[in-house]
N, C-alpha and C. Protein backbone atom coordinates (compact mmCIF):
# COMPACT_ATOMS: atom_id res chain seq x y z
N MET A 1 -145.35 -104.33 -10.79
CA MET A 1 -146.79 -104.65 -10.83
C MET A 1 -147.48 -105.40 -11.79
N GLU A 2 -148.30 -106.09 -11.94
CA GLU A 2 -149.11 -106.85 -12.68
C GLU A 2 -149.84 -105.88 -13.48
N GLU A 3 -149.80 -105.54 -14.45
CA GLU A 3 -151.06 -104.56 -15.38
C GLU A 3 -152.11 -105.26 -16.00
N LEU A 4 -153.33 -105.15 -15.51
CA LEU A 4 -154.58 -105.43 -16.07
C LEU A 4 -155.24 -104.50 -16.54
N THR A 5 -156.10 -104.54 -18.02
CA THR A 5 -156.76 -103.42 -18.15
C THR A 5 -157.94 -103.94 -18.69
N ILE A 6 -159.35 -103.30 -18.64
CA ILE A 6 -160.19 -103.85 -18.95
C ILE A 6 -161.29 -102.52 -19.50
N ASN A 7 -161.62 -102.72 -20.58
CA ASN A 7 -162.43 -101.59 -21.31
C ASN A 7 -164.12 -102.32 -21.95
N GLU A 8 -164.97 -101.68 -21.90
CA GLU A 8 -166.18 -102.38 -22.73
C GLU A 8 -166.13 -101.84 -24.00
N PHE A 9 -166.96 -102.56 -24.77
CA PHE A 9 -167.38 -102.34 -25.75
C PHE A 9 -168.68 -102.50 -26.46
N LEU A 10 -169.11 -101.78 -27.19
CA LEU A 10 -170.58 -102.05 -27.78
C LEU A 10 -170.66 -102.41 -29.05
N ILE A 11 -171.74 -103.10 -29.37
CA ILE A 11 -171.83 -103.84 -30.97
C ILE A 11 -172.78 -102.59 -31.53
N LYS A 12 -172.08 -102.28 -32.65
CA LYS A 12 -172.85 -101.00 -33.59
C LYS A 12 -173.55 -101.62 -34.70
N ASN A 13 -173.20 -102.89 -35.29
CA ASN A 13 -173.66 -103.57 -36.42
C ASN A 13 -173.77 -104.75 -36.35
N PRO A 14 -174.75 -105.40 -36.68
CA PRO A 14 -175.08 -106.75 -36.64
C PRO A 14 -173.96 -107.63 -37.20
N ILE A 15 -173.54 -108.71 -36.39
CA ILE A 15 -172.35 -109.38 -36.69
C ILE A 15 -173.12 -110.84 -37.36
N THR A 16 -172.51 -111.14 -38.47
CA THR A 16 -172.91 -112.40 -39.11
C THR A 16 -171.76 -113.25 -39.44
N ASP A 17 -170.51 -112.74 -39.50
CA ASP A 17 -169.30 -113.48 -39.68
C ASP A 17 -168.14 -113.03 -38.58
N LEU A 18 -168.04 -113.90 -38.01
CA LEU A 18 -167.23 -114.14 -36.67
C LEU A 18 -165.78 -113.67 -37.25
N GLN A 19 -165.20 -114.14 -38.10
CA GLN A 19 -163.85 -114.05 -38.75
C GLN A 19 -163.95 -112.58 -39.39
N ASP A 20 -164.65 -111.85 -39.81
CA ASP A 20 -164.77 -110.30 -40.42
C ASP A 20 -164.67 -109.69 -39.04
N LEU A 21 -165.42 -109.66 -37.98
CA LEU A 21 -165.47 -109.27 -36.97
C LEU A 21 -164.10 -109.15 -36.22
N ILE A 22 -163.35 -110.27 -36.32
CA ILE A 22 -162.07 -110.33 -35.81
C ILE A 22 -161.00 -109.60 -36.37
N VAL A 23 -161.25 -109.56 -37.87
CA VAL A 23 -160.42 -109.07 -38.85
C VAL A 23 -160.51 -107.68 -38.86
N ASN A 24 -161.82 -107.25 -38.94
CA ASN A 24 -162.31 -105.84 -39.08
C ASN A 24 -163.11 -105.17 -37.89
N PRO A 25 -162.66 -105.21 -36.55
CA PRO A 25 -163.53 -105.02 -35.42
C PRO A 25 -164.32 -103.55 -35.48
N SER A 26 -163.71 -102.59 -35.94
CA SER A 26 -164.09 -101.35 -36.07
C SER A 26 -165.35 -101.11 -37.10
N GLN A 27 -165.32 -101.92 -37.88
CA GLN A 27 -166.98 -102.22 -38.74
C GLN A 27 -167.95 -102.32 -37.58
N TYR A 28 -168.00 -103.31 -36.73
CA TYR A 28 -168.83 -103.62 -35.62
C TYR A 28 -168.73 -103.33 -34.50
N ILE A 29 -167.88 -102.87 -33.83
CA ILE A 29 -167.78 -102.43 -32.45
C ILE A 29 -167.40 -100.83 -32.46
N ILE A 30 -167.78 -100.33 -31.14
CA ILE A 30 -167.40 -98.90 -30.43
C ILE A 30 -166.65 -99.30 -29.18
N ASN A 31 -165.83 -98.84 -29.24
CA ASN A 31 -164.97 -99.18 -28.02
C ASN A 31 -165.05 -97.93 -27.04
N VAL A 32 -165.56 -98.37 -25.71
CA VAL A 32 -165.82 -97.37 -24.85
C VAL A 32 -164.38 -96.90 -24.17
N GLU A 33 -163.28 -97.54 -23.88
CA GLU A 33 -162.32 -97.43 -23.56
C GLU A 33 -162.65 -96.51 -22.02
N ASP A 34 -162.13 -95.47 -22.14
CA ASP A 34 -162.24 -94.55 -20.67
C ASP A 34 -163.16 -93.51 -20.79
N ASP A 35 -163.89 -93.37 -22.03
CA ASP A 35 -164.97 -92.30 -22.17
C ASP A 35 -166.26 -92.77 -22.12
N TYR A 36 -166.82 -93.11 -21.13
CA TYR A 36 -168.23 -93.45 -20.93
C TYR A 36 -169.46 -92.54 -21.58
N ASN A 37 -169.00 -91.24 -22.24
CA ASN A 37 -169.83 -90.40 -22.88
C ASN A 37 -170.15 -90.94 -24.20
N LYS A 38 -169.26 -91.89 -24.62
CA LYS A 38 -170.07 -92.91 -25.69
C LYS A 38 -171.32 -93.63 -25.65
N LEU A 39 -171.18 -94.27 -24.62
CA LEU A 39 -172.16 -95.17 -24.21
C LEU A 39 -173.49 -94.32 -24.00
N ILE A 40 -173.27 -93.27 -23.00
CA ILE A 40 -174.28 -92.44 -22.54
C ILE A 40 -174.93 -91.71 -24.03
N SER A 41 -174.22 -91.35 -24.92
CA SER A 41 -174.72 -90.45 -25.98
C SER A 41 -175.55 -91.64 -26.86
N ILE A 42 -175.02 -93.00 -27.27
CA ILE A 42 -175.73 -94.07 -27.84
C ILE A 42 -177.30 -94.40 -27.34
N ILE A 43 -177.12 -94.24 -25.80
CA ILE A 43 -178.40 -94.74 -25.24
C ILE A 43 -179.20 -93.64 -25.27
N THR A 44 -178.80 -92.43 -24.76
CA THR A 44 -180.04 -91.40 -24.60
C THR A 44 -180.43 -91.09 -26.05
N LYS A 45 -179.63 -91.25 -27.18
CA LYS A 45 -180.05 -90.88 -28.65
C LYS A 45 -180.98 -91.78 -29.02
N ASP A 46 -181.38 -93.09 -28.41
CA ASP A 46 -182.37 -94.05 -28.67
C ASP A 46 -182.82 -94.98 -27.52
N GLN A 47 -183.20 -94.25 -26.86
CA GLN A 47 -183.82 -94.84 -25.41
C GLN A 47 -184.72 -95.77 -25.59
N ASP A 48 -185.49 -95.79 -26.40
CA ASP A 48 -186.75 -96.35 -26.72
C ASP A 48 -186.00 -97.93 -27.42
N ARG A 49 -185.09 -97.94 -28.06
CA ARG A 49 -184.74 -99.28 -28.45
C ARG A 49 -183.87 -99.96 -27.27
N TYR A 50 -183.18 -99.20 -26.23
CA TYR A 50 -182.29 -99.67 -25.50
C TYR A 50 -182.91 -99.89 -23.92
N ILE A 51 -183.59 -99.14 -23.75
CA ILE A 51 -184.27 -99.33 -22.19
C ILE A 51 -185.80 -99.42 -22.28
N GLU A 52 -186.09 -100.75 -21.55
CA GLU A 52 -187.49 -100.72 -21.20
C GLU A 52 -187.66 -101.20 -19.82
N ASN A 53 -188.82 -100.64 -19.25
CA ASN A 53 -189.16 -100.57 -17.80
C ASN A 53 -187.67 -100.55 -16.95
N GLY A 54 -187.02 -99.59 -17.10
CA GLY A 54 -185.66 -99.55 -16.22
C GLY A 54 -184.75 -100.24 -16.56
N ILE A 55 -184.77 -101.18 -17.62
CA ILE A 55 -183.54 -102.17 -18.02
C ILE A 55 -183.01 -101.70 -19.24
N ILE A 56 -181.62 -101.86 -19.13
CA ILE A 56 -181.03 -101.40 -20.64
C ILE A 56 -180.40 -103.01 -21.04
N THR A 57 -180.84 -102.90 -22.39
CA THR A 57 -180.44 -104.25 -23.06
C THR A 57 -179.33 -103.46 -24.19
N ILE A 58 -178.16 -103.62 -24.07
CA ILE A 58 -177.41 -103.33 -25.24
C ILE A 58 -176.16 -104.40 -25.28
N GLU A 59 -176.08 -104.64 -26.56
CA GLU A 59 -174.85 -105.86 -26.92
C GLU A 59 -173.32 -105.04 -26.91
N GLY A 60 -172.39 -106.16 -26.01
CA GLY A 60 -170.99 -105.34 -26.29
C GLY A 60 -170.54 -106.63 -25.09
N GLY A 61 -169.40 -106.14 -25.10
CA GLY A 61 -168.37 -107.23 -24.14
C GLY A 61 -167.24 -106.47 -23.61
N ILE A 62 -166.50 -107.01 -23.21
CA ILE A 62 -165.43 -106.64 -22.08
C ILE A 62 -163.77 -107.11 -22.54
N PHE A 63 -163.06 -106.13 -22.95
CA PHE A 63 -161.80 -106.13 -23.69
C PHE A 63 -161.24 -106.50 -22.32
N ILE A 64 -160.13 -107.59 -22.13
CA ILE A 64 -159.56 -107.77 -20.94
C ILE A 64 -157.88 -108.02 -21.44
N LYS A 65 -157.03 -107.43 -20.89
CA LYS A 65 -155.62 -107.26 -21.25
C LYS A 65 -154.81 -107.44 -20.03
N GLN A 66 -153.75 -108.30 -20.28
CA GLN A 66 -152.73 -108.49 -19.29
C GLN A 66 -151.41 -108.07 -19.94
N HIS A 67 -150.63 -107.10 -19.66
CA HIS A 67 -149.40 -106.70 -20.39
C HIS A 67 -149.82 -107.00 -21.89
N TYR A 68 -150.85 -106.56 -22.68
CA TYR A 68 -150.58 -106.57 -23.92
C TYR A 68 -151.43 -107.92 -24.43
N GLN A 69 -151.37 -108.91 -23.61
CA GLN A 69 -152.01 -109.97 -24.03
C GLN A 69 -153.79 -110.17 -23.97
N GLU A 70 -154.65 -110.29 -24.75
CA GLU A 70 -155.77 -110.20 -24.67
C GLU A 70 -156.33 -111.63 -24.15
N ILE A 71 -157.15 -111.26 -23.15
CA ILE A 71 -157.99 -112.58 -22.57
C ILE A 71 -159.33 -112.51 -22.99
N SER A 72 -159.74 -111.37 -23.36
CA SER A 72 -161.07 -111.49 -23.69
C SER A 72 -161.22 -110.26 -24.88
N GLY A 73 -161.83 -110.44 -25.78
CA GLY A 73 -161.97 -109.57 -27.00
C GLY A 73 -163.19 -109.27 -27.53
N VAL A 74 -163.00 -109.05 -29.14
CA VAL A 74 -164.46 -108.64 -29.59
C VAL A 74 -165.09 -110.05 -29.88
N LYS A 75 -164.64 -111.03 -29.98
CA LYS A 75 -165.36 -112.55 -30.12
C LYS A 75 -166.15 -113.07 -29.04
N TYR A 76 -166.00 -111.92 -28.13
CA TYR A 76 -166.97 -112.37 -26.68
C TYR A 76 -167.68 -111.31 -26.37
N TRP A 77 -169.08 -111.32 -26.75
CA TRP A 77 -169.72 -110.22 -26.34
C TRP A 77 -171.44 -110.99 -26.11
N ASP A 78 -172.07 -110.30 -25.46
CA ASP A 78 -173.47 -110.61 -24.94
C ASP A 78 -174.01 -109.27 -24.76
N ASP A 79 -175.01 -109.46 -23.97
CA ASP A 79 -175.77 -108.12 -23.26
C ASP A 79 -174.98 -107.55 -21.90
N LEU A 80 -174.21 -106.38 -22.44
CA LEU A 80 -173.26 -105.96 -21.50
C LEU A 80 -173.52 -105.89 -20.08
N PRO A 81 -174.82 -105.06 -19.66
CA PRO A 81 -175.03 -104.91 -18.41
C PRO A 81 -175.20 -106.56 -17.74
N THR A 82 -175.80 -107.48 -18.09
CA THR A 82 -176.09 -108.98 -17.78
C THR A 82 -174.74 -109.48 -17.71
N LEU A 83 -173.85 -109.39 -18.62
CA LEU A 83 -172.43 -110.15 -18.63
C LEU A 83 -171.64 -109.51 -17.22
N TRP A 84 -171.75 -108.30 -17.52
CA TRP A 84 -171.23 -107.69 -15.98
C TRP A 84 -171.81 -108.11 -14.79
N SER A 85 -172.78 -108.39 -14.83
CA SER A 85 -173.66 -109.02 -13.55
C SER A 85 -173.22 -110.20 -13.33
N TYR A 86 -173.24 -111.10 -14.45
CA TYR A 86 -172.66 -112.57 -14.22
C TYR A 86 -171.22 -112.42 -13.63
N ILE A 87 -170.33 -111.61 -13.93
CA ILE A 87 -169.16 -111.67 -13.65
C ILE A 87 -168.82 -111.23 -12.17
N LEU A 88 -169.68 -110.25 -11.84
CA LEU A 88 -169.81 -110.03 -10.52
C LEU A 88 -170.14 -111.27 -9.26
N ASN A 89 -171.25 -111.96 -10.05
CA ASN A 89 -171.63 -113.24 -9.59
C ASN A 89 -170.80 -114.07 -8.99
N VAL A 90 -169.90 -114.47 -10.18
CA VAL A 90 -168.49 -115.42 -10.21
C VAL A 90 -167.68 -114.79 -9.06
N MET A 91 -167.38 -113.62 -9.12
CA MET A 91 -166.38 -113.18 -8.18
C MET A 91 -167.07 -113.35 -6.84
N GLU A 92 -168.28 -113.20 -6.53
CA GLU A 92 -168.63 -113.18 -5.31
C GLU A 92 -168.60 -115.06 -4.89
N GLU A 93 -168.99 -115.56 -5.36
CA GLU A 93 -169.33 -117.12 -5.50
C GLU A 93 -167.74 -117.71 -5.26
N TYR A 94 -166.73 -117.14 -5.87
CA TYR A 94 -165.42 -117.48 -5.56
C TYR A 94 -165.01 -117.19 -4.18
N LEU A 95 -165.25 -116.03 -3.75
CA LEU A 95 -164.82 -115.18 -2.62
C LEU A 95 -165.46 -116.49 -1.27
N VAL A 96 -166.68 -117.01 -1.75
CA VAL A 96 -167.15 -118.07 -0.52
C VAL A 96 -166.52 -119.12 -0.73
N ASP A 97 -166.38 -120.03 -2.08
CA ASP A 97 -166.00 -121.40 -2.42
C ASP A 97 -164.75 -121.50 -2.63
N GLY A 98 -163.96 -120.57 -3.07
CA GLY A 98 -162.54 -120.79 -3.55
C GLY A 98 -162.46 -120.97 -5.26
N GLN A 99 -163.51 -121.21 -5.69
CA GLN A 99 -163.52 -121.40 -7.12
C GLN A 99 -165.01 -121.14 -7.67
N ALA A 100 -165.23 -120.96 -8.89
CA ALA A 100 -166.54 -120.52 -9.55
C ALA A 100 -166.55 -120.58 -10.76
N LYS A 101 -167.72 -120.88 -11.65
CA LYS A 101 -167.91 -121.09 -12.84
C LYS A 101 -169.45 -120.53 -13.36
N ILE A 102 -169.31 -119.96 -14.30
CA ILE A 102 -170.63 -119.28 -14.81
C ILE A 102 -170.39 -119.38 -16.43
N TYR A 103 -171.51 -119.23 -17.08
CA TYR A 103 -171.42 -119.01 -18.50
C TYR A 103 -171.85 -117.52 -18.88
N PHE A 104 -171.48 -117.23 -20.27
CA PHE A 104 -172.12 -115.90 -20.57
C PHE A 104 -173.54 -116.12 -20.60
N PRO A 105 -174.47 -114.80 -20.40
CA PRO A 105 -175.75 -115.12 -20.32
C PRO A 105 -176.45 -115.67 -21.58
N SER A 106 -175.90 -115.79 -22.57
CA SER A 106 -176.83 -116.18 -23.60
C SER A 106 -176.09 -116.80 -24.71
N GLN A 107 -174.61 -117.24 -24.23
CA GLN A 107 -173.68 -118.27 -25.10
C GLN A 107 -172.88 -119.28 -24.20
N PRO A 108 -172.55 -120.26 -24.78
CA PRO A 108 -171.96 -121.43 -23.95
C PRO A 108 -170.58 -121.02 -23.55
N ILE A 109 -170.13 -119.62 -23.08
CA ILE A 109 -168.92 -119.47 -23.09
C ILE A 109 -168.69 -119.28 -21.74
N LYS A 110 -167.76 -120.07 -21.19
CA LYS A 110 -167.48 -120.33 -19.65
C LYS A 110 -166.39 -119.19 -19.06
N ILE A 111 -167.05 -118.59 -17.92
CA ILE A 111 -166.21 -117.83 -17.22
C ILE A 111 -166.09 -118.37 -15.85
N GLN A 112 -164.58 -118.85 -15.16
CA GLN A 112 -164.39 -119.61 -14.42
C GLN A 112 -162.96 -118.96 -13.54
N LEU A 113 -163.14 -118.98 -12.16
CA LEU A 113 -162.10 -118.47 -11.28
C LEU A 113 -161.78 -119.61 -10.36
N LYS A 114 -160.45 -119.82 -10.38
CA LYS A 114 -159.98 -120.98 -9.18
C LYS A 114 -158.84 -120.31 -8.40
N LYS A 115 -158.79 -120.77 -7.31
CA LYS A 115 -157.77 -120.30 -6.39
C LYS A 115 -156.62 -121.08 -6.57
N LEU A 116 -155.38 -120.26 -6.85
CA LEU A 116 -154.11 -121.07 -6.79
C LEU A 116 -153.23 -120.89 -5.77
N TYR A 117 -151.93 -120.58 -5.92
CA TYR A 117 -151.01 -120.35 -4.66
C TYR A 117 -150.73 -119.09 -4.60
N ARG A 118 -150.45 -118.77 -3.03
CA ARG A 118 -149.85 -117.19 -3.04
C ARG A 118 -150.47 -116.37 -3.31
N LYS A 119 -152.07 -116.26 -3.10
CA LYS A 119 -152.86 -115.13 -3.17
C LYS A 119 -153.03 -114.83 -4.93
N LYS A 120 -152.70 -116.00 -5.95
CA LYS A 120 -153.10 -115.98 -7.12
C LYS A 120 -154.22 -116.87 -7.27
N ILE A 121 -154.84 -116.20 -8.47
CA ILE A 121 -155.87 -116.93 -8.99
C ILE A 121 -155.76 -116.91 -10.62
N GLU A 122 -156.73 -117.99 -10.99
CA GLU A 122 -156.80 -118.30 -12.40
C GLU A 122 -158.16 -117.54 -12.68
N PHE A 123 -158.33 -117.14 -14.08
CA PHE A 123 -159.46 -116.54 -14.45
C PHE A 123 -159.41 -117.08 -15.77
N LEU A 124 -160.59 -117.95 -16.19
CA LEU A 124 -160.79 -118.23 -17.59
C LEU A 124 -161.96 -117.70 -18.05
N ILE A 125 -161.69 -117.21 -19.61
CA ILE A 125 -162.93 -117.00 -19.87
C ILE A 125 -162.75 -118.03 -21.68
N ASP A 126 -163.57 -118.74 -21.64
CA ASP A 126 -163.58 -119.80 -22.77
C ASP A 126 -162.36 -120.54 -22.37
N HIS A 127 -161.34 -120.48 -23.23
CA HIS A 127 -159.80 -121.16 -23.17
C HIS A 127 -158.99 -120.24 -22.59
N ASN A 128 -159.20 -118.73 -22.75
CA ASN A 128 -157.95 -117.83 -22.51
C ASN A 128 -157.99 -117.47 -20.82
N ARG A 129 -156.47 -117.87 -20.40
CA ARG A 129 -155.87 -118.04 -19.22
C ARG A 129 -155.58 -116.67 -18.79
N LEU A 130 -155.77 -116.38 -17.50
CA LEU A 130 -155.20 -115.05 -16.94
C LEU A 130 -154.59 -115.47 -15.47
N ILE A 131 -153.51 -115.53 -15.08
CA ILE A 131 -153.10 -115.97 -13.83
C ILE A 131 -152.51 -114.26 -12.91
N ILE A 132 -153.12 -114.24 -12.08
CA ILE A 132 -153.01 -112.73 -11.58
C ILE A 132 -153.02 -112.90 -9.92
N GLU A 133 -152.69 -111.76 -9.30
CA GLU A 133 -152.85 -111.65 -7.93
C GLU A 133 -154.12 -111.28 -7.63
N GLN A 134 -154.95 -112.19 -6.66
CA GLN A 134 -156.19 -111.76 -6.28
C GLN A 134 -156.67 -110.14 -6.01
N ASP A 135 -155.73 -109.70 -5.38
CA ASP A 135 -155.68 -108.03 -4.97
C ASP A 135 -155.90 -107.17 -6.36
N ILE A 136 -155.13 -107.54 -6.92
CA ILE A 136 -155.14 -106.57 -8.32
C ILE A 136 -156.24 -107.02 -9.28
N PHE A 137 -156.47 -108.46 -9.33
CA PHE A 137 -157.72 -108.74 -10.09
C PHE A 137 -159.27 -108.20 -9.74
N TYR A 138 -159.37 -108.21 -8.47
CA TYR A 138 -160.54 -107.60 -7.81
C TYR A 138 -160.68 -106.15 -7.60
N LYS A 139 -159.53 -105.60 -7.52
CA LYS A 139 -159.44 -104.10 -7.49
C LYS A 139 -159.98 -103.34 -8.92
N THR A 140 -159.31 -103.89 -9.84
CA THR A 140 -159.33 -103.88 -11.33
C THR A 140 -160.93 -104.28 -11.98
N PHE A 141 -161.23 -104.92 -11.57
CA PHE A 141 -162.69 -105.57 -11.87
C PHE A 141 -163.66 -105.03 -11.30
N LEU A 142 -163.59 -104.90 -10.01
CA LEU A 142 -164.75 -104.20 -9.22
C LEU A 142 -164.38 -102.57 -9.73
N ASP A 143 -163.56 -101.81 -9.87
CA ASP A 143 -163.59 -100.61 -10.02
C ASP A 143 -164.10 -100.13 -11.55
N ARG A 144 -163.97 -101.04 -12.56
CA ARG A 144 -164.47 -101.02 -13.75
C ARG A 144 -165.91 -101.32 -13.80
N ALA A 145 -166.49 -102.32 -13.17
CA ALA A 145 -167.70 -102.60 -13.10
C ALA A 145 -168.49 -101.48 -12.15
N GLU A 146 -167.81 -100.77 -11.23
CA GLU A 146 -168.51 -99.72 -10.31
C GLU A 146 -168.62 -98.49 -11.30
N SER A 147 -167.71 -98.41 -12.03
CA SER A 147 -167.76 -97.32 -13.18
C SER A 147 -168.76 -97.26 -14.16
N PHE A 148 -169.01 -98.57 -14.71
CA PHE A 148 -170.17 -98.90 -15.58
C PHE A 148 -171.65 -98.79 -14.81
N PHE A 149 -171.81 -99.30 -13.76
CA PHE A 149 -173.03 -99.29 -13.00
C PHE A 149 -173.20 -97.82 -12.49
N ASN A 150 -172.36 -97.23 -12.23
CA ASN A 150 -172.57 -95.63 -11.68
C ASN A 150 -173.12 -95.21 -12.89
N ILE A 151 -172.48 -95.25 -14.00
CA ILE A 151 -172.93 -94.61 -15.39
C ILE A 151 -174.31 -94.83 -15.53
N LEU A 152 -174.94 -96.14 -15.14
CA LEU A 152 -176.24 -96.59 -15.65
C LEU A 152 -177.18 -95.81 -14.52
N VAL A 153 -176.81 -95.91 -13.16
CA VAL A 153 -177.56 -95.43 -12.04
C VAL A 153 -177.71 -93.93 -12.25
N ASN A 154 -176.51 -93.52 -12.23
CA ASN A 154 -176.12 -91.91 -12.29
C ASN A 154 -176.65 -91.25 -13.15
N LYS A 155 -176.04 -91.62 -14.41
CA LYS A 155 -176.13 -90.64 -15.63
C LYS A 155 -177.43 -91.09 -16.48
N LEU A 156 -178.08 -92.31 -16.33
CA LEU A 156 -179.01 -92.93 -17.21
C LEU A 156 -180.25 -93.03 -16.30
N ASP A 157 -180.11 -92.72 -14.86
CA ASP A 157 -181.11 -93.14 -14.11
C ASP A 157 -182.01 -94.41 -14.20
N LEU A 158 -181.11 -95.30 -14.41
CA LEU A 158 -181.78 -96.79 -14.18
C LEU A 158 -181.34 -97.21 -13.06
N GLU A 159 -182.29 -96.96 -11.71
CA GLU A 159 -182.35 -97.31 -10.67
C GLU A 159 -181.99 -98.75 -10.33
N LYS A 160 -182.55 -99.77 -11.38
CA LYS A 160 -182.57 -100.97 -11.05
C LYS A 160 -181.51 -101.38 -10.90
N TYR A 161 -180.33 -100.95 -11.15
CA TYR A 161 -178.67 -101.42 -11.27
C TYR A 161 -178.11 -100.83 -9.93
N GLU A 162 -178.72 -100.26 -8.98
CA GLU A 162 -178.28 -99.91 -7.80
C GLU A 162 -177.84 -101.39 -6.81
N TYR A 163 -178.71 -102.41 -7.25
CA TYR A 163 -178.11 -103.87 -6.84
C TYR A 163 -176.62 -104.27 -6.95
N GLU A 164 -176.46 -104.10 -8.31
CA GLU A 164 -174.97 -104.11 -8.34
C GLU A 164 -173.83 -103.41 -7.91
N ILE A 165 -174.41 -101.88 -7.66
CA ILE A 165 -173.56 -101.24 -7.07
C ILE A 165 -173.46 -101.85 -5.58
N LYS A 166 -174.39 -102.09 -4.97
CA LYS A 166 -174.36 -102.60 -3.62
C LYS A 166 -173.73 -104.02 -3.32
N GLN A 167 -173.93 -104.98 -4.63
CA GLN A 167 -173.08 -106.19 -4.69
C GLN A 167 -171.76 -105.51 -4.82
N ILE A 168 -171.07 -104.93 -5.50
CA ILE A 168 -169.73 -104.30 -5.70
C ILE A 168 -169.30 -104.19 -4.12
N GLN A 169 -170.12 -103.30 -3.24
CA GLN A 169 -169.72 -102.85 -2.22
C GLN A 169 -169.38 -103.89 -1.00
N LYS A 170 -170.44 -104.83 -1.05
CA LYS A 170 -170.34 -106.38 -0.48
C LYS A 170 -169.05 -107.29 -0.77
N ILE A 171 -168.81 -107.36 -1.97
CA ILE A 171 -167.43 -108.05 -2.44
C ILE A 171 -166.51 -107.29 -1.97
N ARG A 172 -166.20 -105.94 -2.05
CA ARG A 172 -165.07 -105.26 -1.53
C ARG A 172 -164.87 -105.64 0.19
N LEU A 173 -165.99 -105.81 0.69
CA LEU A 173 -165.88 -105.99 2.30
C LEU A 173 -165.51 -107.41 2.34
N MET A 174 -165.86 -108.42 1.48
CA MET A 174 -165.54 -109.86 1.55
C MET A 174 -164.08 -110.01 1.15
N ILE A 175 -163.44 -109.21 0.47
CA ILE A 175 -161.86 -109.61 0.02
C ILE A 175 -161.03 -109.28 1.18
């Protein structure tokens, strides 16, 4: 079975040198991994900084690895909730059209999905390529996105993200 892992990270210090970020990621990021308590703690400590009118703004990204090969890592970040929303949008569009393309919310980094052969899909972030079975791709991404948005809605009381939870349910029905 193909192994695909997805974890979020948060930017904790301003990034002025991309090469230093790549060499010393622990100086700049907090890896959420499977502990959403880190995310909850950071946001609840400084709600005025991160939450306005029920919308959270927090810079971060998504680690995507297949068999220890990194597809997306520390050099790809943006507003984390918006990035997750964009990924859900491209996943939904792919199911309708058989291909889809979108860019990061505020960077010219392309995210693309293409249908391949025998239920395989190609997922691109920038020039990094992942070829994987559609079922594994969708299950892994949707499970992780659902966990993320459930934290925003149920633990941080950010009801405006219920839309994304409904979108995840809709995509599951489309598969």
